[in-house]
PDB file of N, CA and C in Angstrom:
ATOM      1  N   MET A   1      -5.808 -12.544   9.731  1.00  0.00           N
ATOM      2  CA  MET A   1      -6.064 -11.820   8.524  1.00  0.00           C
ATOM      3  C   MET A   1      -4.890 -10.899   8.338  1.00  0.00           C
ATOM      4  N   PHE A   2      -4.522 -10.743   7.079  1.00  0.00           N
ATOM      5  CA  PHE A   2      -3.516  -9.817   6.587  1.00  0.00           C
ATOM      6  C   PHE A   2      -4.176  -8.894   5.510  1.00  0.00           C
ATOM      7  N   TYR A   3      -3.466  -7.811   5.329  1.00  0.00           N
ATOM      8  CA  TYR A   3      -3.902  -6.796   4.361  1.00  0.00           C
ATOM      9  C   TYR A   3      -2.816  -6.445   3.420  1.00  0.00           C
ATOM     10  N   VAL A   4      -3.089  -6.359   2.108  1.00  0.00           N
ATOM     11  CA  VAL A   4      -2.227  -5.746   1.085  1.00  0.00           C
ATOM     12  C   VAL A   4      -2.788  -4.514   0.792  1.00  0.00           C
ATOM     13  N   TYR A   5      -1.951  -3.443   0.778  1.00  0.00           N
ATOM     14  CA  TYR A   5      -2.536  -2.141   0.514  1.00  0.00           C
ATOM     15  C   TYR A   5      -1.551  -1.286  -0.439  1.00  0.00           C
ATOM     16  N   VAL A   6      -2.212  -0.158  -1.064  1.00  0.00           N
ATOM     17  CA  VAL A   6      -1.571   0.780  -1.868  1.00  0.00           C
ATOM     18  C   VAL A   6      -1.821   2.117  -1.196  1.00  0.00           C
ATOM     19  N   LEU A   7      -0.767   2.841  -0.860  1.00  0.00           N
ATOM     20  CA  LEU A   7      -0.972   4.172  -0.387  1.00  0.00           C
ATOM     21  C   LEU A   7      -0.530   5.153  -1.595  1.00  0.00           C
ATOM     22  N   PHE A   8      -1.031   6.389  -1.330  1.00  0.00           N
ATOM     23  CA  PHE A   8      -0.754   7.422  -2.342  1.00  0.00           C
ATOM     24  C   PHE A   8      -0.405   8.681  -1.604  1.00  0.00           C
ATOM     25  N   SER A   9       0.620   9.364  -1.922  1.00  0.00           N
ATOM     26  CA  SER A   9       1.148  10.702  -1.480  1.00  0.00           C
ATOM     27  C   SER A   9       0.661  11.789  -2.371  1.00  0.00           C
ATOM     28  N   ASN A  10      -0.273  12.616  -1.950  1.00  0.00           N
ATOM     29  CA  ASN A  10      -0.606  13.831  -2.791  1.00  0.00           C
ATOM     30  C   ASN A  10       0.524  14.668  -2.913  1.00  0.00           C
ATOM     31  N   SER A  11       1.307  14.907  -1.930  1.00  0.00           N
ATOM     32  CA  SER A  11       2.424  15.769  -1.930  1.00  0.00           C
ATOM     33  C   SER A  11       3.572  15.528  -3.073  1.00  0.00           C
ATOM     34  N   SER A  12       3.609  14.117  -3.345  1.00  0.00           N
ATOM     35  CA  SER A  12       4.738  13.680  -4.198  1.00  0.00           C
ATOM     36  C   SER A  12       4.284  13.032  -5.541  1.00  0.00           C
ATOM     37  N   GLY A  13       2.898  12.494  -5.391  1.00  0.00           N
ATOM     38  CA  GLY A  13       2.452  11.752  -6.504  1.00  0.00           C
ATOM     39  C   GLY A  13       2.958  10.317  -6.489  1.00  0.00           C
ATOM     40  N   LYS A  14       3.577   9.892  -5.390  1.00  0.00           N
ATOM     41  CA  LYS A  14       4.206   8.556  -5.399  1.00  0.00           C
ATOM     42  C   LYS A  14       3.123   7.596  -4.637  1.00  0.00           C
ATOM     43  N   TYR A  15       3.321   6.284  -5.125  1.00  0.00           N
ATOM     44  CA  TYR A  15       2.428   5.126  -4.632  1.00  0.00           C
ATOM     45  C   TYR A  15       3.436   4.288  -3.735  1.00  0.00           C
ATOM     46  N   TYR A  16       2.889   3.668  -2.763  1.00  0.00           N
ATOM     47  CA  TYR A  16       3.693   2.774  -2.005  1.00  0.00           C
ATOM     48  C   TYR A  16       2.772   1.451  -1.730  1.00  0.00           C
ATOM     49  N   VAL A  17       3.330   0.319  -1.879  1.00  0.00           N
ATOM     50  CA  VAL A  17       2.644  -0.852  -1.805  1.00  0.00           C
ATOM     51  C   VAL A  17       3.230  -1.637  -0.616  1.00  0.00           C
ATOM     52  N   GLY A  18       2.325  -2.216   0.281  1.00  0.00           N
ATOM     53  CA  GLY A  18       2.864  -3.013   1.482  1.00  0.00           C
ATOM     54  C   GLY A  18       1.788  -3.948   1.872  1.00  0.00           C
ATOM     55  N   GLN A  19       2.155  -4.620   3.035  1.00  0.00           N
ATOM     56  CA  GLN A  19       1.312  -5.579   3.610  1.00  0.00           C
ATOM     57  C   GLN A  19       1.375  -5.561   5.120  1.00  0.00           C
ATOM     58  N   THR A  20       0.453  -5.958   5.781  1.00  0.00           N
ATOM     59  CA  THR A  20       0.275  -5.827   7.248  1.00  0.00           C
ATOM     60  C   THR A  20      -0.840  -6.657   7.889  1.00  0.00           C
ATOM     61  N   SER A  21      -0.750  -6.809   9.224  1.00  0.00           N
ATOM     62  CA  SER A  21      -1.907  -7.475   9.903  1.00  0.00           C
ATOM     63  C   SER A  21      -2.778  -6.497  10.509  1.00  0.00           C
ATOM     64  N   ASP A  22      -2.338  -5.179  10.591  1.00  0.00           N
ATOM     65  CA  ASP A  22      -3.179  -4.153  11.122  1.00  0.00           C
ATOM     66  C   ASP A  22      -3.113  -2.906  10.263  1.00  0.00           C
ATOM     67  N   LEU A  23      -4.127  -2.745   9.389  1.00  0.00           N
ATOM     68  CA  LEU A  23      -4.038  -1.698   8.402  1.00  0.00           C
ATOM     69  C   LEU A  23      -4.128  -0.329   8.991  1.00  0.00           C
ATOM     70  N   LYS A  24      -4.999  -0.094  10.020  1.00  0.00           N
ATOM     71  CA  LYS A  24      -5.122   1.243  10.598  1.00  0.00           C
ATOM     72  C   LYS A  24      -3.704   1.557  11.269  1.00  0.00           C
ATOM     73  N   LYS A  25      -3.199   0.820  12.006  1.00  0.00           N
ATOM     74  CA  LYS A  25      -1.881   0.979  12.727  1.00  0.00           C
ATOM     75  C   LYS A  25      -0.900   1.250  11.774  1.00  0.00           C
ATOM     76  N   ARG A  26      -0.723   0.483  10.672  1.00  0.00           N
ATOM     77  CA  ARG A  26       0.235   0.789   9.730  1.00  0.00           C
ATOM     78  C   ARG A  26       0.123   2.097   9.053  1.00  0.00           C
ATOM     79  N   LEU A  27      -1.095   2.479   8.767  1.00  0.00           N
ATOM     80  CA  LEU A  27      -1.152   3.781   8.057  1.00  0.00           C
ATOM     81  C   LEU A  27      -0.686   4.863   9.097  1.00  0.00           C
ATOM     82  N   GLU A  28      -1.135   4.787  10.247  1.00  0.00           N
ATOM     83  CA  GLU A  28      -0.637   5.709  11.277  1.00  0.00           C
ATOM     84  C   GLU A  28       0.813   5.767  11.347  1.00  0.00           C
ATOM     85  N   SER A  29       1.465   4.585  11.289  1.00  0.00           N
ATOM     86  CA  SER A  29       2.906   4.485  11.340  1.00  0.00           C
ATOM     87  C   SER A  29       3.528   5.233  10.210  1.00  0.00           C
ATOM     88  N   HIS A  30       2.897   5.034   8.897  1.00  0.00           N
ATOM     89  CA  HIS A  30       3.582   5.664   7.743  1.00  0.00           C
ATOM     90  C   HIS A  30       3.333   7.188   7.964  1.00  0.00           C
ATOM     91  N   ASN A  31       2.267   7.636   8.455  1.00  0.00           N
ATOM     92  CA  ASN A  31       1.995   9.065   8.614  1.00  0.00           C
ATOM     93  C   ASN A  31       2.711   9.758   9.772  1.00  0.00           C
ATOM     94  N   LYS A  32       3.341   9.030  10.619  1.00  0.00           N
ATOM     95  CA  LYS A  32       4.068   9.502  11.819  1.00  0.00           C
ATOM     96  C   LYS A  32       5.501   9.587  11.360  1.00  0.00           C
ATOM     97  N   GLY A  33       5.902   9.088  10.143  1.00  0.00           N
ATOM     98  CA  GLY A  33       7.185   9.087   9.801  1.00  0.00           C
ATOM     99  C   GLY A  33       8.056   7.920  10.343  1.00  0.00           C
ATOM    100  N   GLU A  34       7.436   7.014  10.811  1.00  0.00           N
ATOM    101  CA  GLU A  34       8.163   5.753  11.311  1.00  0.00           C
ATOM    102  C   GLU A  34       8.763   4.733  10.322  1.00  0.00           C
ATOM    103  N   SER A  35       8.374   4.932   9.024  1.00  0.00           N
ATOM    104  CA  SER A  35       8.916   4.028   8.111  1.00  0.00           C
ATOM    105  C   SER A  35       9.989   4.918   7.232  1.00  0.00           C
ATOM    106  N   LYS A  36      11.087   4.377   7.018  1.00  0.00           N
ATOM    107  CA  LYS A  36      12.211   5.350   6.399  1.00  0.00           C
ATOM    108  C   LYS A  36      11.832   5.773   5.042  1.00  0.00           C
ATOM    109  N   TYR A  37      11.344   4.937   4.176  1.00  0.00           N
ATOM    110  CA  TYR A  37      11.069   5.284   2.796  1.00  0.00           C
ATOM    111  C   TYR A  37       9.828   6.282   2.700  1.00  0.00           C
ATOM    112  N   THR A  38       8.832   6.008   3.489  1.00  0.00           N
ATOM    113  CA  THR A  38       7.678   6.790   3.335  1.00  0.00           C
ATOM    114  C   THR A  38       7.646   8.068   4.092  1.00  0.00           C
ATOM    115  N   SER A  39       8.597   8.152   4.979  1.00  0.00           N
ATOM    116  CA  SER A  39       8.525   9.500   5.716  1.00  0.00           C
ATOM    117  C   SER A  39       8.796  10.814   5.122  1.00  0.00           C
ATOM    118  N   ALA A  40       9.537  10.711   3.930  1.00  0.00           N
ATOM    119  CA  ALA A  40       9.756  11.801   3.098  1.00  0.00           C
ATOM    120  C   ALA A  40       8.613  12.342   2.338  1.00  0.00           C
ATOM    121  N   TYR A  41       7.438  11.479   2.217  1.00  0.00           N
ATOM    122  CA  TYR A  41       6.347  11.775   1.236  1.00  0.00           C
ATOM    123  C   TYR A  41       5.074  11.841   1.996  1.00  0.00           C
ATOM    124  N   MET A  42       5.003  12.143   3.296  1.00  0.00           N
ATOM    125  CA  MET A  42       3.632  12.250   4.090  1.00  0.00           C
ATOM    126  C   MET A  42       3.096  13.489   3.538  1.00  0.00           C
ATOM    127  N   PRO A  43       1.712  13.433   3.777  1.00  0.00           N
ATOM    128  CA  PRO A  43       0.907  12.337   4.312  1.00  0.00           C
ATOM    129  C   PRO A  43       0.510  11.339   3.181  1.00  0.00           C
ATOM    130  N   TRP A  44       0.073  10.218   3.674  1.00  0.00           N
ATOM    131  CA  TRP A  44      -0.272   9.119   2.902  1.00  0.00           C
ATOM    132  C   TRP A  44      -1.756   8.861   3.022  1.00  0.00           C
ATOM    133  N   GLU A  45      -2.422   8.253   1.967  1.00  0.00           N
ATOM    134  CA  GLU A  45      -3.804   7.899   2.141  1.00  0.00           C
ATOM    135  C   GLU A  45      -3.901   6.596   1.395  1.00  0.00           C
ATOM    136  N   ILE A  46      -4.897   5.701   1.899  1.00  0.00           N
ATOM    137  CA  ILE A  46      -5.155   4.458   1.329  1.00  0.00           C
ATOM    138  C   ILE A  46      -5.893   4.538   0.027  1.00  0.00           C
ATOM    139  N   LYS A  47      -5.335   4.030  -1.011  1.00  0.00           N
ATOM    140  CA  LYS A  47      -5.892   4.139  -2.363  1.00  0.00           C
ATOM    141  C   LYS A  47      -6.702   2.747  -2.632  1.00  0.00           C
ATOM    142  N   TRP A  48      -6.092   1.624  -2.084  1.00  0.00           N
ATOM    143  CA  TRP A  48      -6.666   0.388  -2.328  1.00  0.00           C
ATOM    144  C   TRP A  48      -6.191  -0.562  -1.248  1.00  0.00           C
ATOM    145  N   HIS A  49      -6.974  -1.543  -0.750  1.00  0.00           N
ATOM    146  CA  HIS A  49      -6.599  -2.604   0.029  1.00  0.00           C
ATOM    147  C   HIS A  49      -7.462  -3.775  -0.103  1.00  0.00           C
ATOM    148  N   THR A  50      -6.988  -4.943   0.357  1.00  0.00           N
ATOM    149  CA  THR A  50      -7.718  -6.063   0.313  1.00  0.00           C
ATOM    150  C   THR A  50      -7.325  -7.026   1.437  1.00  0.00           C
ATOM    151  N   GLU A  51      -8.282  -7.899   1.957  1.00  0.00           N
ATOM    152  CA  GLU A  51      -7.901  -8.852   3.082  1.00  0.00           C
ATOM    153  C   GLU A  51      -7.343 -10.046   2.395  1.00  0.00           C
ATOM    154  N   ILE A  52      -6.374 -10.635   3.005  1.00  0.00           N
ATOM    155  CA  ILE A  52      -5.763 -11.975   2.662  1.00  0.00           C
ATOM    156  C   ILE A  52      -5.810 -12.920   3.695  1.00  0.00           C
ATOM    157  N   GLY A  53      -5.989 -14.224   3.439  1.00  0.00           N
ATOM    158  CA  GLY A  53      -6.097 -15.162   4.514  1.00  0.00           C
ATOM    159  C   GLY A  53      -4.630 -15.516   5.230  1.00  0.00           C
ATOM    160  N   SER A  54      -3.664 -15.284   4.573  1.00  0.00           N
ATOM    161  CA  SER A  54      -2.320 -15.716   5.178  1.00  0.00           C
ATOM    162  C   SER A  54      -1.084 -14.775   4.851  1.00  0.00           C
ATOM    163  N   ARG A  55      -0.226 -14.666   5.566  1.00  0.00           N
ATOM    164  CA  ARG A  55       0.975 -13.727   5.454  1.00  0.00           C
ATOM    165  C   ARG A  55       1.599 -14.168   4.171  1.00  0.00           C
ATOM    166  N   LYS A  56       1.745 -15.543   3.970  1.00  0.00           N
ATOM    167  CA  LYS A  56       2.472 -15.959   2.707  1.00  0.00           C
ATOM    168  C   LYS A  56       1.795 -15.430   1.490  1.00  0.00           C
ATOM    169  N   GLU A  57       0.364 -15.578   1.390  1.00  0.00           N
ATOM    170  CA  GLU A  57      -0.402 -14.991   0.307  1.00  0.00           C
ATOM    171  C   GLU A  57      -0.261 -13.514   0.005  1.00  0.00           C
ATOM    172  N   ALA A  58      -0.288 -12.884   1.266  1.00  0.00           N
ATOM    173  CA  ALA A  58      -0.126 -11.325   1.231  1.00  0.00           C
ATOM    174  C   ALA A  58       1.162 -11.013   0.654  1.00  0.00           C
ATOM    175  N   LEU A  59       2.329 -11.683   1.075  1.00  0.00           N
ATOM    176  CA  LEU A  59       3.674 -11.372   0.488  1.00  0.00           C
ATOM    177  C   LEU A  59       3.685 -11.554  -1.026  1.00  0.00           C
ATOM    178  N   ILE A  60       3.020 -12.707  -1.482  1.00  0.00           N
ATOM    179  CA  ILE A  60       3.015 -12.944  -2.918  1.00  0.00           C
ATOM    180  C   ILE A  60       2.343 -11.813  -3.596  1.00  0.00           C
ATOM    181  N   LEU A  61       1.092 -11.406  -3.161  1.00  0.00           N
ATOM    182  CA  LEU A  61       0.435 -10.327  -3.851  1.00  0.00           C
ATOM    183  C   LEU A  61       1.156  -9.013  -3.765  1.00  0.00           C
ATOM    184  N   GLU A  62       1.845  -8.649  -2.598  1.00  0.00           N
ATOM    185  CA  GLU A  62       2.527  -7.520  -2.443  1.00  0.00           C
ATOM    186  C   GLU A  62       3.665  -7.546  -3.597  1.00  0.00           C
ATOM    187  N   LYS A  63       4.401  -8.518  -3.752  1.00  0.00           N
ATOM    188  CA  LYS A  63       5.562  -8.530  -4.592  1.00  0.00           C
ATOM    189  C   LYS A  63       4.936  -8.359  -6.048  1.00  0.00           C
ATOM    190  N   LYS A  64       3.859  -8.984  -6.502  1.00  0.00           N
ATOM    191  CA  LYS A  64       3.328  -8.761  -7.759  1.00  0.00           C
ATOM    192  C   LYS A  64       2.879  -7.384  -7.956  1.00  0.00           C
ATOM    193  N   LEU A  65       2.262  -6.701  -7.023  1.00  0.00           N
ATOM    194  CA  LEU A  65       1.919  -5.250  -7.128  1.00  0.00           C
ATOM    195  C   LEU A  65       3.140  -4.349  -7.129  1.00  0.00           C
ATOM    196  N   LYS A  66       4.141  -4.697  -6.514  1.00  0.00           N
ATOM    197  CA  LYS A  66       5.425  -3.907  -6.407  1.00  0.00           C
ATOM    198  C   LYS A  66       6.113  -3.862  -7.858  1.00  0.00           C
ATOM    199  N   ASN A  67       5.850  -5.018  -8.579  1.00  0.00           N
ATOM    200  CA  ASN A  67       6.520  -5.312  -9.866  1.00  0.00           C
ATOM    201  C   ASN A  67       5.762  -4.529 -11.095  1.00  0.00           C
ATOM    202  N   LEU A  68       4.577  -3.975 -10.736  1.00  0.00           N
ATOM    203  CA  LEU A  68       3.814  -3.348 -11.802  1.00  0.00           C
ATOM    204  C   LEU A  68       4.348  -1.947 -12.110  1.00  0.00           C
ATOM    205  N   SER A  69       4.361  -1.564 -13.323  1.00  0.00           N
ATOM    206  CA  SER A  69       4.733  -0.261 -13.667  1.00  0.00           C
ATOM    207  C   SER A  69       3.742   0.768 -13.031  1.00  0.00           C
ATOM    208  N   GLY A  70       4.166   2.049 -12.888  1.00  0.00           N
ATOM    209  CA  GLY A  70       3.237   3.066 -12.297  1.00  0.00           C
ATOM    210  C   GLY A  70       1.846   3.201 -12.958  1.00  0.00           C
ATOM    211  N   ASN A  71       1.769   3.151 -14.192  1.00  0.00           N
ATOM    212  CA  ASN A  71       0.598   3.200 -15.006  1.00  0.00           C
ATOM    213  C   ASN A  71      -0.331   1.819 -14.798  1.00  0.00           C
ATOM    214  N   ARG A  72       0.281   0.729 -14.787  1.00  0.00           N
ATOM    215  CA  ARG A  72      -0.323  -0.613 -14.625  1.00  0.00           C
ATOM    216  C   ARG A  72      -0.848  -0.562 -13.110  1.00  0.00           C
ATOM    217  N   LEU A  73      -0.035  -0.044 -12.198  1.00  0.00           N
ATOM    218  CA  LEU A  73      -0.674   0.015 -10.797  1.00  0.00           C
ATOM    219  C   LEU A  73      -1.890   0.803 -10.719  1.00  0.00           C
ATOM    220  N   ILE A  74      -1.818   1.973 -11.371  1.00  0.00           N
ATOM    221  CA  ILE A  74      -3.090   2.976 -11.410  1.00  0.00           C
ATOM    222  C   ILE A  74      -4.215   2.208 -12.098  1.00  0.00           C
ATOM    223  N   ASP A  75      -3.922   1.471 -13.065  1.00  0.00           N
ATOM    224  CA  ASP A  75      -5.120   0.814 -13.774  1.00  0.00           C
ATOM    225  C   ASP A  75      -5.646  -0.352 -12.862  1.00  0.00           C
ATOM    226  N   PHE A  76      -4.694  -1.025 -12.101  1.00  0.00           N
ATOM    227  CA  PHE A  76      -5.143  -1.890 -11.048  1.00  0.00           C
ATOM    228  C   PHE A  76      -6.072  -1.429 -10.074  1.00  0.00           C
ATOM    229  N   ILE A  77      -5.543  -0.289  -9.567  1.00  0.00           N
ATOM    230  CA  ILE A  77      -6.382   0.369  -8.422  1.00  0.00           C
ATOM    231  C   ILE A  77      -7.824   0.828  -8.859  1.00  0.00           C
ATOM    232  N   GLU A  78      -7.792   1.385 -10.114  1.00  0.00           N
ATOM    233  CA  GLU A  78      -9.056   1.789 -10.644  1.00  0.00           C
ATOM    234  C   GLU A  78     -10.035   0.564 -10.981  1.00  0.00           C
ATOM    235  N   LYS A  79      -9.461  -0.551 -11.460  1.00  0.00           N
ATOM    236  CA  LYS A  79     -10.261  -1.615 -11.709  1.00  0.00           C
ATOM    237  C   LYS A  79     -10.818  -2.391 -10.490  1.00  0.00           C
ATOM    238  N   TYR A  80      -9.998  -2.404  -9.439  1.00  0.00           N
ATOM    239  CA  TYR A  80     -10.379  -3.287  -8.180  1.00  0.00           C
ATOM    240  C   TYR A  80     -10.564  -2.407  -7.007  1.00  0.00           C
ATOM    241  N   SER A  81     -10.928  -1.084  -7.109  1.00  0.00           N
ATOM    242  CA  SER A  81     -11.092  -0.347  -5.975  1.00  0.00           C
ATOM    243  C   SER A  81     -12.318  -0.844  -5.211  1.00  0.00           C
ATOM    244  N   ASN A  82     -12.170  -0.916  -3.743  1.00  0.00           N
ATOM    245  CA  ASN A  82     -13.295  -1.391  -2.932  1.00  0.00           C
ATOM    246  C   ASN A  82     -14.380  -0.450  -2.913  1.00  0.00           C
TER     247      ASN A  82
END
């Protein structure tokens, strides 16, 4: 199982889209500053996530979400929140 997720940083108002096979571990990694881009905007919280059956499908969805404008990403999160 893989996860596609959207993180939000209250300190900066930024969103981050990613994919992983271990969501809990990946969030911890982001909040420990182990990811170059996200380390400047800690702490992060999960705003949205979904399970995907394969890495290939997760990468496709991740790319689609990364291509959304900020407002469209927010609309997506609100519409499909778990």
